[in-house]
Amino acid sequence: MTDAELSALFSAVSGAQENVAEADADLMARVLRDAIEMQPGARAAMRRSSPLEELFRALGGWMGVGGLAAASITGVLLGFNVSGEVPGVTTFLTLDTAIVDPFTGFDVLLEEG
C-alpha cells in the first residue's frame, strides 16, 4: 500500500466518523439497564443493605465482631470481679514493698581488666 492510498483511506475513515449519528438517550438507558441485568453479581450489588449489615462489614465480619465481643466481655468481667486493687500493678507503680532492678549484676560486665 502506497502513501497516497493510505492517506486516502485515512481521510475516508475520518470523513465517515464525522457523519455518525448520536444514539437516542432512551436507547442508551435501555442498553445500560440490560447490561447491568446481565452481569452476574448485579442484583446483589443493587440490593440496599441495612446500617447494621454495613457496620458488621466495617468491623471485619464474624472474626472482627467475635474479637470485639470477646474483648468487651473480658473487660466487663474484669471490671466487676476484681475487687479493690490489682496487687501486682499497684505494688510496681507505688514501689512500696519492692524495688525491681532488671540490671542486677550488669555492672560486673562494665568493669575493665
N, C-alpha and C. Protein backbone atom coordinates (compact mmCIF):
# COMPACT_ATOMS: atom_id res chain seq x y z
N MET A 1 0.86 -1.17 0.00
CA MET A 1 0.00 0.00 0.00
C MET A 1 0.90 1.22 0.00
N THR A 2 0.63 2.13 -0.90
CA THR A 2 1.45 3.34 -1.02
C THR A 2 0.95 4.40 -0.04
N ASP A 3 1.74 5.45 0.09
CA ASP A 3 1.37 6.54 1.00
C ASP A 3 0.11 7.24 0.53
N ALA A 4 -0.08 7.36 -0.77
CA ALA A 4 -1.28 8.04 -1.30
C ALA A 4 -2.53 7.21 -0.99
N GLU A 5 -2.43 5.90 -1.16
CA GLU A 5 -3.59 5.05 -0.85
C GLU A 5 -3.90 5.06 0.66
N LEU A 6 -2.85 5.07 1.47
CA LEU A 6 -3.03 5.09 2.92
C LEU A 6 -3.67 6.39 3.38
N SER A 7 -3.21 7.51 2.84
CA SER A 7 -3.81 8.80 3.22
C SER A 7 -5.25 8.90 2.72
N ALA A 8 -5.57 8.31 1.57
CA ALA A 8 -6.95 8.30 1.08
C ALA A 8 -7.83 7.46 1.99
N LEU A 9 -7.30 6.35 2.47
CA LEU A 9 -8.05 5.50 3.39
C LEU A 9 -8.32 6.23 4.70
N PHE A 10 -7.30 6.89 5.23
CA PHE A 10 -7.47 7.63 6.48
C PHE A 10 -8.47 8.78 6.33
N SER A 11 -8.42 9.46 5.22
CA SER A 11 -9.36 10.58 5.01
C SER A 11 -10.78 10.04 4.86
N ALA A 12 -10.97 8.87 4.25
CA ALA A 12 -12.30 8.29 4.11
C ALA A 12 -12.85 7.87 5.48
N VAL A 13 -11.99 7.32 6.32
CA VAL A 13 -12.42 6.90 7.65
C VAL A 13 -12.74 8.12 8.50
N SER A 14 -11.92 9.15 8.45
CA SER A 14 -12.18 10.34 9.26
C SER A 14 -13.46 11.04 8.78
N GLY A 15 -13.74 11.00 7.50
CA GLY A 15 -14.98 11.58 6.99
C GLY A 15 -16.18 10.77 7.44
N ALA A 16 -16.03 9.47 7.54
CA ALA A 16 -17.13 8.62 7.99
C ALA A 16 -17.40 8.82 9.48
N GLN A 17 -16.37 9.10 10.25
CA GLN A 17 -16.55 9.32 11.68
C GLN A 17 -17.29 10.62 11.95
N GLU A 18 -17.17 11.59 11.12
CA GLU A 18 -17.86 12.86 11.31
C GLU A 18 -19.35 12.73 11.03
N ASN A 19 -19.77 11.75 10.25
CA ASN A 19 -21.17 11.60 9.87
C ASN A 19 -21.94 10.61 10.75
N VAL A 20 -21.37 10.18 11.87
CA VAL A 20 -22.02 9.20 12.74
C VAL A 20 -23.12 9.91 13.53
N ALA A 21 -24.30 9.29 13.55
CA ALA A 21 -25.42 9.87 14.28
C ALA A 21 -25.32 9.53 15.76
N GLU A 22 -25.78 10.41 16.61
CA GLU A 22 -25.77 10.19 18.06
C GLU A 22 -26.89 9.22 18.42
N ALA A 23 -26.65 8.41 19.43
CA ALA A 23 -27.66 7.46 19.88
C ALA A 23 -28.70 8.19 20.73
N ASP A 24 -29.92 7.70 20.68
CA ASP A 24 -31.02 8.28 21.45
C ASP A 24 -30.78 8.00 22.94
N ALA A 25 -31.16 8.94 23.82
CA ALA A 25 -30.97 8.79 25.26
C ALA A 25 -31.77 7.61 25.80
N ASP A 26 -32.97 7.39 25.27
CA ASP A 26 -33.80 6.27 25.69
C ASP A 26 -33.14 4.93 25.33
N LEU A 27 -32.57 4.87 24.14
CA LEU A 27 -31.87 3.66 23.71
C LEU A 27 -30.68 3.38 24.61
N MET A 28 -29.91 4.41 24.93
CA MET A 28 -28.74 4.22 25.79
C MET A 28 -29.16 3.77 27.19
N ALA A 29 -30.27 4.29 27.70
CA ALA A 29 -30.75 3.89 29.03
C ALA A 29 -31.16 2.42 29.02
N ARG A 30 -31.85 1.98 27.97
CA ARG A 30 -32.25 0.58 27.88
C ARG A 30 -31.05 -0.35 27.75
N VAL A 31 -30.06 0.06 26.95
CA VAL A 31 -28.86 -0.76 26.76
C VAL A 31 -28.11 -0.90 28.09
N LEU A 32 -27.96 0.21 28.82
CA LEU A 32 -27.26 0.15 30.11
C LEU A 32 -28.02 -0.68 31.13
N ARG A 33 -29.36 -0.57 31.15
CA ARG A 33 -30.15 -1.37 32.08
C ARG A 33 -30.00 -2.86 31.78
N ASP A 34 -30.05 -3.21 30.49
CA ASP A 34 -29.88 -4.61 30.10
C ASP A 34 -28.47 -5.11 30.43
N ALA A 35 -27.48 -4.25 30.28
CA ALA A 35 -26.10 -4.65 30.58
C ALA A 35 -25.94 -4.91 32.07
N ILE A 36 -26.55 -4.09 32.90
CA ILE A 36 -26.46 -4.30 34.35
C ILE A 36 -27.17 -5.58 34.76
N GLU A 37 -28.30 -5.87 34.14
CA GLU A 37 -29.04 -7.08 34.48
C GLU A 37 -28.29 -8.34 34.06
N MET A 38 -27.46 -8.26 33.04
CA MET A 38 -26.74 -9.43 32.54
C MET A 38 -25.49 -9.74 33.36
N GLN A 39 -25.01 -8.81 34.15
CA GLN A 39 -23.81 -9.07 34.95
C GLN A 39 -24.15 -10.02 36.09
N PRO A 40 -23.19 -10.90 36.47
CA PRO A 40 -23.51 -11.96 37.43
C PRO A 40 -23.90 -11.45 38.82
N GLY A 41 -23.21 -10.48 39.36
CA GLY A 41 -23.50 -10.04 40.72
C GLY A 41 -24.25 -8.74 40.78
N ALA A 42 -24.95 -8.38 39.72
CA ALA A 42 -25.60 -7.08 39.66
C ALA A 42 -26.76 -6.96 40.64
N ARG A 43 -27.53 -8.00 40.77
CA ARG A 43 -28.70 -7.92 41.67
C ARG A 43 -28.25 -7.80 43.12
N ALA A 44 -27.19 -8.51 43.48
CA ALA A 44 -26.70 -8.41 44.86
C ALA A 44 -26.10 -7.04 45.12
N ALA A 45 -25.45 -6.46 44.11
CA ALA A 45 -24.85 -5.14 44.29
C ALA A 45 -25.90 -4.05 44.33
N MET A 46 -26.99 -4.25 43.63
CA MET A 46 -28.03 -3.24 43.59
C MET A 46 -28.92 -3.30 44.83
N ARG A 47 -28.86 -4.41 45.58
CA ARG A 47 -29.67 -4.55 46.78
C ARG A 47 -29.14 -3.64 47.86
N ARG A 48 -30.01 -2.91 48.52
CA ARG A 48 -29.60 -2.00 49.58
C ARG A 48 -29.44 -2.79 50.87
N SER A 49 -28.38 -2.49 51.60
CA SER A 49 -28.14 -3.20 52.85
C SER A 49 -28.50 -2.29 54.03
N SER A 50 -28.80 -2.91 55.14
CA SER A 50 -29.19 -2.16 56.32
C SER A 50 -27.95 -1.57 56.99
N PRO A 51 -28.12 -0.56 57.83
CA PRO A 51 -26.96 0.01 58.54
C PRO A 51 -26.26 -1.00 59.44
N LEU A 52 -27.02 -1.97 59.98
CA LEU A 52 -26.41 -2.99 60.82
C LEU A 52 -25.49 -3.90 59.99
N GLU A 53 -25.90 -4.23 58.77
CA GLU A 53 -25.05 -5.04 57.89
C GLU A 53 -23.80 -4.27 57.50
N GLU A 54 -23.91 -2.97 57.26
CA GLU A 54 -22.75 -2.16 56.91
C GLU A 54 -21.78 -2.06 58.08
N LEU A 55 -22.30 -1.92 59.30
CA LEU A 55 -21.45 -1.89 60.49
C LEU A 55 -20.74 -3.24 60.67
N PHE A 56 -21.47 -4.32 60.44
CA PHE A 56 -20.91 -5.66 60.55
C PHE A 56 -19.75 -5.83 59.57
N ARG A 57 -19.93 -5.38 58.33
CA ARG A 57 -18.86 -5.47 57.33
C ARG A 57 -17.69 -4.55 57.68
N ALA A 58 -17.98 -3.36 58.25
CA ALA A 58 -16.92 -2.42 58.59
C ALA A 58 -16.05 -2.94 59.74
N LEU A 59 -16.63 -3.75 60.63
CA LEU A 59 -15.87 -4.31 61.74
C LEU A 59 -15.07 -5.54 61.35
N GLY A 60 -15.24 -6.04 60.15
CA GLY A 60 -14.44 -7.16 59.67
C GLY A 60 -15.16 -8.48 59.62
N GLY A 61 -16.47 -8.47 59.64
CA GLY A 61 -17.22 -9.71 59.55
C GLY A 61 -17.25 -10.44 60.88
N TRP A 62 -17.42 -11.77 60.79
CA TRP A 62 -17.56 -12.57 62.01
C TRP A 62 -16.30 -12.54 62.86
N MET A 63 -15.14 -12.54 62.23
CA MET A 63 -13.90 -12.55 63.01
C MET A 63 -13.73 -11.25 63.79
N GLY A 64 -13.99 -10.14 63.17
CA GLY A 64 -13.85 -8.85 63.85
C GLY A 64 -14.87 -8.67 64.95
N VAL A 65 -16.11 -9.03 64.68
CA VAL A 65 -17.17 -8.89 65.68
C VAL A 65 -16.94 -9.88 66.82
N GLY A 66 -16.45 -11.08 66.52
CA GLY A 66 -16.15 -12.05 67.57
C GLY A 66 -15.05 -11.58 68.50
N GLY A 67 -13.99 -11.02 67.94
CA GLY A 67 -12.91 -10.48 68.77
C GLY A 67 -13.36 -9.30 69.61
N LEU A 68 -14.16 -8.43 69.01
CA LEU A 68 -14.68 -7.29 69.75
C LEU A 68 -15.59 -7.74 70.88
N ALA A 69 -16.41 -8.74 70.64
CA ALA A 69 -17.30 -9.26 71.69
C ALA A 69 -16.50 -9.90 72.81
N ALA A 70 -15.48 -10.67 72.47
CA ALA A 70 -14.66 -11.33 73.49
C ALA A 70 -13.93 -10.29 74.34
N ALA A 71 -13.38 -9.26 73.71
CA ALA A 71 -12.68 -8.23 74.47
C ALA A 71 -13.65 -7.44 75.35
N SER A 72 -14.84 -7.19 74.86
CA SER A 72 -15.84 -6.45 75.65
C SER A 72 -16.28 -7.26 76.86
N ILE A 73 -16.54 -8.54 76.69
CA ILE A 73 -16.96 -9.38 77.80
C ILE A 73 -15.84 -9.52 78.83
N THR A 74 -14.60 -9.65 78.35
CA THR A 74 -13.47 -9.73 79.27
C THR A 74 -13.33 -8.46 80.09
N GLY A 75 -13.50 -7.31 79.45
CA GLY A 75 -13.43 -6.05 80.18
C GLY A 75 -14.53 -5.91 81.21
N VAL A 76 -15.73 -6.32 80.85
CA VAL A 76 -16.84 -6.24 81.80
C VAL A 76 -16.61 -7.19 82.97
N LEU A 77 -16.17 -8.40 82.70
CA LEU A 77 -15.91 -9.36 83.78
C LEU A 77 -14.79 -8.89 84.70
N LEU A 78 -13.73 -8.36 84.15
CA LEU A 78 -12.65 -7.84 84.99
C LEU A 78 -13.12 -6.64 85.79
N GLY A 79 -13.95 -5.82 85.20
CA GLY A 79 -14.45 -4.65 85.92
C GLY A 79 -15.33 -5.02 87.10
N PHE A 80 -16.11 -6.07 86.98
CA PHE A 80 -16.99 -6.46 88.08
C PHE A 80 -16.32 -7.38 89.09
N ASN A 81 -15.45 -8.26 88.65
CA ASN A 81 -14.91 -9.29 89.53
C ASN A 81 -13.67 -8.89 90.30
N VAL A 82 -12.88 -7.95 89.82
CA VAL A 82 -11.67 -7.56 90.54
C VAL A 82 -12.09 -6.60 91.64
N SER A 83 -11.93 -7.03 92.87
CA SER A 83 -12.34 -6.19 94.00
C SER A 83 -11.15 -5.37 94.48
N GLY A 84 -11.38 -4.13 94.74
CA GLY A 84 -10.33 -3.26 95.26
C GLY A 84 -9.29 -2.93 94.23
N GLU A 85 -8.08 -3.36 94.49
CA GLU A 85 -6.98 -3.01 93.60
C GLU A 85 -6.30 -4.27 93.08
N VAL A 86 -5.58 -4.12 92.03
CA VAL A 86 -4.83 -5.23 91.48
C VAL A 86 -3.46 -5.20 92.17
N PRO A 87 -3.14 -6.19 92.98
CA PRO A 87 -1.95 -6.12 93.83
C PRO A 87 -0.64 -5.99 93.05
N GLY A 88 -0.46 -6.73 92.00
CA GLY A 88 0.81 -6.68 91.29
C GLY A 88 1.08 -5.33 90.65
N VAL A 89 0.08 -4.74 90.08
CA VAL A 89 0.25 -3.46 89.39
C VAL A 89 0.49 -2.35 90.39
N THR A 90 -0.28 -2.32 91.46
CA THR A 90 -0.13 -1.22 92.42
C THR A 90 1.20 -1.32 93.16
N THR A 91 1.68 -2.52 93.41
CA THR A 91 2.99 -2.67 94.06
C THR A 91 4.09 -2.14 93.16
N PHE A 92 4.00 -2.46 91.90
CA PHE A 92 5.02 -1.99 90.97
C PHE A 92 4.96 -0.48 90.79
N LEU A 93 3.77 0.09 90.72
CA LEU A 93 3.64 1.52 90.49
C LEU A 93 3.99 2.35 91.72
N THR A 94 3.62 1.91 92.91
CA THR A 94 3.90 2.69 94.11
C THR A 94 5.27 2.39 94.70
N LEU A 95 5.85 1.24 94.37
CA LEU A 95 7.17 0.83 94.84
C LEU A 95 7.24 0.82 96.37
N ASP A 96 6.14 0.42 97.03
CA ASP A 96 6.11 0.39 98.48
C ASP A 96 6.90 -0.79 99.04
N THR A 97 6.72 -1.94 98.50
CA THR A 97 7.30 -3.13 99.13
C THR A 97 8.53 -3.65 98.42
N ALA A 98 8.71 -3.40 97.13
CA ALA A 98 9.85 -3.98 96.43
C ALA A 98 10.32 -3.03 95.34
N ILE A 99 11.62 -3.02 95.19
CA ILE A 99 12.23 -2.27 94.09
C ILE A 99 12.81 -3.31 93.14
N VAL A 100 12.39 -3.23 91.91
CA VAL A 100 12.83 -4.21 90.92
C VAL A 100 13.97 -3.61 90.13
N ASP A 101 15.11 -4.29 90.13
CA ASP A 101 16.26 -3.85 89.36
C ASP A 101 16.52 -4.87 88.26
N PRO A 102 16.16 -4.55 87.02
CA PRO A 102 16.34 -5.54 85.95
C PRO A 102 17.80 -5.75 85.58
N PHE A 103 18.69 -4.85 85.99
CA PHE A 103 20.09 -4.97 85.61
C PHE A 103 20.97 -5.40 86.78
N THR A 104 20.48 -6.26 87.62
CA THR A 104 21.27 -6.76 88.73
C THR A 104 22.47 -7.54 88.20
N GLY A 105 23.65 -7.16 88.64
CA GLY A 105 24.86 -7.85 88.19
C GLY A 105 25.38 -7.35 86.86
N PHE A 106 24.74 -6.39 86.27
CA PHE A 106 25.19 -5.89 84.97
C PHE A 106 26.45 -5.05 85.12
N ASP A 107 26.65 -4.40 86.28
CA ASP A 107 27.81 -3.55 86.46
C ASP A 107 29.10 -4.35 86.48
N VAL A 108 29.05 -5.66 86.73
CA VAL A 108 30.24 -6.50 86.68
C VAL A 108 30.79 -6.55 85.27
N LEU A 109 29.92 -6.50 84.28
CA LEU A 109 30.37 -6.55 82.88
C LEU A 109 31.00 -5.25 82.43
N LEU A 110 30.77 -4.17 83.14
CA LEU A 110 31.30 -2.87 82.74
C LEU A 110 32.71 -2.61 83.28
N GLU A 111 33.16 -3.39 84.22
CA GLU A 111 34.50 -3.19 84.80
C GLU A 111 35.56 -3.63 83.81
N GLU A 112 36.66 -2.87 83.80
CA GLU A 112 37.76 -3.22 82.91
C GLU A 112 38.79 -4.05 83.66
N GLY A 113 39.50 -4.87 82.91
CA GLY A 113 40.64 -5.61 83.42
C GLY A 113 40.31 -6.75 84.18
